[in-house]
Amino acid sequence: MLAYHVSHLIRTKLTANHIHEGWDSLRFRLNQILRITTVMPKSKHRYIVLRYYSTDAAETMRYFAA
């Protein structure tokens, strides 16, 4: 029952953001995204974090924002 509510919530949020794709195409598109994170120490407790996405950042953020 909980899985149904979670999947319905995801589908509702995607539809509200004008993403009308089936589960297969969403899974295919999200599996192609590769995120590379580089962490460099700046001082004792501070770090610089750089994140790179293997696909178009605007298209990727559209799915993550939903």
N, C-alpha and C. Protein backbone atom coordinates (compact mmCIF):
# COMPACT_ATOMS: atom_id res chain seq x y z
N MET A 1 0.82 -1.19 0.00
CA MET A 1 0.00 0.00 0.00
C MET A 1 0.87 1.26 0.00
N LEU A 2 1.96 1.23 0.74
CA LEU A 2 2.85 2.38 0.80
C LEU A 2 3.50 2.64 -0.56
N ALA A 3 3.88 1.58 -1.26
CA ALA A 3 4.50 1.74 -2.57
C ALA A 3 3.53 2.41 -3.55
N TYR A 4 2.26 2.09 -3.45
CA TYR A 4 1.26 2.73 -4.32
C TYR A 4 1.21 4.23 -4.07
N HIS A 5 1.21 4.62 -2.80
CA HIS A 5 1.14 6.05 -2.46
C HIS A 5 2.39 6.79 -2.93
N VAL A 6 3.54 6.16 -2.79
CA VAL A 6 4.79 6.80 -3.22
C VAL A 6 4.79 6.96 -4.74
N SER A 7 4.41 5.92 -5.47
CA SER A 7 4.40 6.02 -6.93
C SER A 7 3.35 7.02 -7.40
N HIS A 8 2.21 7.10 -6.71
CA HIS A 8 1.19 8.08 -7.07
C HIS A 8 1.68 9.50 -6.81
N LEU A 9 2.40 9.70 -5.72
CA LEU A 9 2.96 11.01 -5.40
C LEU A 9 3.98 11.44 -6.46
N ILE A 10 4.83 10.52 -6.86
CA ILE A 10 5.82 10.83 -7.90
C ILE A 10 5.12 11.19 -9.20
N ARG A 11 4.15 10.40 -9.59
CA ARG A 11 3.41 10.65 -10.83
C ARG A 11 2.68 12.00 -10.77
N THR A 12 2.10 12.35 -9.64
CA THR A 12 1.40 13.62 -9.48
C THR A 12 2.36 14.80 -9.62
N LYS A 13 3.53 14.69 -8.97
CA LYS A 13 4.52 15.77 -9.05
C LYS A 13 5.06 15.94 -10.46
N LEU A 14 5.30 14.83 -11.16
CA LEU A 14 5.78 14.92 -12.53
C LEU A 14 4.73 15.55 -13.44
N THR A 15 3.48 15.16 -13.27
CA THR A 15 2.40 15.71 -14.08
C THR A 15 2.23 17.21 -13.81
N ALA A 16 2.38 17.62 -12.56
CA ALA A 16 2.26 19.04 -12.22
C ALA A 16 3.37 19.86 -12.88
N ASN A 17 4.51 19.23 -13.16
CA ASN A 17 5.62 19.92 -13.82
C ASN A 17 5.66 19.64 -15.32
N HIS A 18 4.54 19.21 -15.87
CA HIS A 18 4.35 18.99 -17.31
C HIS A 18 5.31 17.93 -17.87
N ILE A 19 5.55 16.89 -17.09
CA ILE A 19 6.35 15.76 -17.55
C ILE A 19 5.38 14.60 -17.70
N HIS A 20 4.99 14.31 -18.92
CA HIS A 20 4.00 13.27 -19.20
C HIS A 20 4.68 12.12 -19.93
N GLU A 21 5.46 11.36 -19.21
CA GLU A 21 6.17 10.22 -19.78
C GLU A 21 5.80 8.96 -19.00
N GLY A 22 5.91 7.84 -19.65
CA GLY A 22 5.64 6.57 -18.99
C GLY A 22 6.81 6.17 -18.09
N TRP A 23 6.57 5.17 -17.26
CA TRP A 23 7.61 4.72 -16.34
C TRP A 23 8.84 4.20 -17.09
N ASP A 24 8.62 3.52 -18.20
CA ASP A 24 9.75 2.96 -18.95
C ASP A 24 10.66 4.06 -19.48
N SER A 25 10.08 5.10 -20.07
CA SER A 25 10.91 6.18 -20.61
C SER A 25 11.58 6.98 -19.49
N LEU A 26 10.89 7.17 -18.36
CA LEU A 26 11.51 7.86 -17.23
C LEU A 26 12.69 7.07 -16.69
N ARG A 27 12.50 5.78 -16.52
CA ARG A 27 13.57 4.93 -16.02
C ARG A 27 14.76 4.94 -16.98
N PHE A 28 14.48 4.86 -18.28
CA PHE A 28 15.55 4.89 -19.29
C PHE A 28 16.31 6.21 -19.24
N ARG A 29 15.58 7.32 -19.16
CA ARG A 29 16.21 8.65 -19.16
C ARG A 29 17.03 8.87 -17.88
N LEU A 30 16.51 8.46 -16.73
CA LEU A 30 17.22 8.69 -15.48
C LEU A 30 18.40 7.75 -15.31
N ASN A 31 18.36 6.58 -15.92
CA ASN A 31 19.50 5.66 -15.85
C ASN A 31 20.67 6.14 -16.70
N GLN A 32 20.44 7.04 -17.63
CA GLN A 32 21.51 7.56 -18.47
C GLN A 32 22.27 8.70 -17.81
N ILE A 33 21.76 9.22 -16.71
CA ILE A 33 22.39 10.36 -16.04
C ILE A 33 23.53 9.85 -15.15
N LEU A 34 24.70 10.43 -15.34
CA LEU A 34 25.86 10.09 -14.53
C LEU A 34 26.30 11.37 -13.83
N ARG A 35 26.37 11.32 -12.51
CA ARG A 35 26.80 12.49 -11.75
C ARG A 35 28.17 12.21 -11.17
N ILE A 36 29.10 13.12 -11.43
CA ILE A 36 30.46 13.00 -10.92
C ILE A 36 30.66 14.11 -9.90
N THR A 37 31.09 13.73 -8.71
CA THR A 37 31.31 14.70 -7.63
C THR A 37 32.78 14.71 -7.27
N THR A 38 33.35 15.91 -7.23
CA THR A 38 34.74 16.09 -6.84
C THR A 38 34.76 16.95 -5.58
N VAL A 39 35.45 16.48 -4.54
CA VAL A 39 35.54 17.21 -3.28
C VAL A 39 37.00 17.55 -3.04
N MET A 40 37.26 18.85 -2.85
CA MET A 40 38.62 19.31 -2.59
C MET A 40 38.64 20.03 -1.23
N PRO A 41 39.58 19.67 -0.38
CA PRO A 41 39.65 20.38 0.92
C PRO A 41 40.14 21.81 0.74
N LYS A 42 39.47 22.72 1.44
CA LYS A 42 39.83 24.14 1.37
C LYS A 42 40.59 24.53 2.65
N SER A 43 40.07 24.11 3.76
CA SER A 43 40.74 24.33 5.05
C SER A 43 40.39 23.14 5.94
N LYS A 44 40.56 23.28 7.22
CA LYS A 44 40.38 22.14 8.12
C LYS A 44 38.99 21.51 8.04
N HIS A 45 37.96 22.31 8.06
CA HIS A 45 36.58 21.80 8.05
C HIS A 45 35.76 22.32 6.88
N ARG A 46 36.40 22.82 5.85
CA ARG A 46 35.69 23.36 4.69
C ARG A 46 36.14 22.64 3.44
N TYR A 47 35.18 22.47 2.54
CA TYR A 47 35.46 21.77 1.29
C TYR A 47 34.84 22.50 0.12
N ILE A 48 35.43 22.32 -1.04
CA ILE A 48 34.84 22.79 -2.29
C ILE A 48 34.28 21.56 -2.98
N VAL A 49 33.01 21.60 -3.30
CA VAL A 49 32.34 20.47 -3.93
C VAL A 49 31.92 20.86 -5.33
N LEU A 50 32.36 20.09 -6.31
CA LEU A 50 32.00 20.33 -7.71
C LEU A 50 31.22 19.13 -8.21
N ARG A 51 30.07 19.38 -8.85
CA ARG A 51 29.25 18.30 -9.39
C ARG A 51 29.07 18.51 -10.89
N TYR A 52 29.30 17.46 -11.63
CA TYR A 52 29.15 17.48 -13.08
C TYR A 52 28.14 16.41 -13.48
N TYR A 53 27.28 16.76 -14.42
CA TYR A 53 26.31 15.80 -14.95
C TYR A 53 26.71 15.43 -16.37
N SER A 54 26.51 14.16 -16.72
CA SER A 54 26.91 13.68 -18.03
C SER A 54 25.93 14.09 -19.13
N THR A 55 24.76 14.57 -18.77
CA THR A 55 23.78 15.00 -19.76
C THR A 55 23.54 16.49 -19.61
N ASP A 56 22.63 17.02 -20.40
CA ASP A 56 22.29 18.44 -20.34
C ASP A 56 21.78 18.79 -18.94
N ALA A 57 22.40 19.76 -18.29
CA ALA A 57 22.07 20.10 -16.91
C ALA A 57 20.63 20.62 -16.79
N ALA A 58 20.18 21.39 -17.74
CA ALA A 58 18.81 21.93 -17.66
C ALA A 58 17.78 20.82 -17.74
N GLU A 59 18.00 19.88 -18.64
CA GLU A 59 17.06 18.75 -18.77
C GLU A 59 17.12 17.87 -17.52
N THR A 60 18.29 17.67 -16.97
CA THR A 60 18.45 16.86 -15.77
C THR A 60 17.75 17.51 -14.60
N MET A 61 17.95 18.80 -14.42
CA MET A 61 17.35 19.51 -13.30
C MET A 61 15.82 19.53 -13.40
N ARG A 62 15.31 19.49 -14.60
CA ARG A 62 13.85 19.47 -14.78
C ARG A 62 13.24 18.23 -14.12
N TYR A 63 13.92 17.11 -14.23
CA TYR A 63 13.42 15.88 -13.61
C TYR A 63 13.66 15.86 -12.11
N PHE A 64 14.83 16.36 -11.69
CA PHE A 64 15.14 16.35 -10.25
C PHE A 64 14.29 17.37 -9.49
N ALA A 65 13.94 18.46 -10.14
CA ALA A 65 13.13 19.49 -9.48
C ALA A 65 11.70 19.00 -9.25
N ALA A 66 11.23 18.12 -10.10
CA ALA A 66 9.87 17.60 -9.96
C ALA A 66 9.86 16.66 -8.79
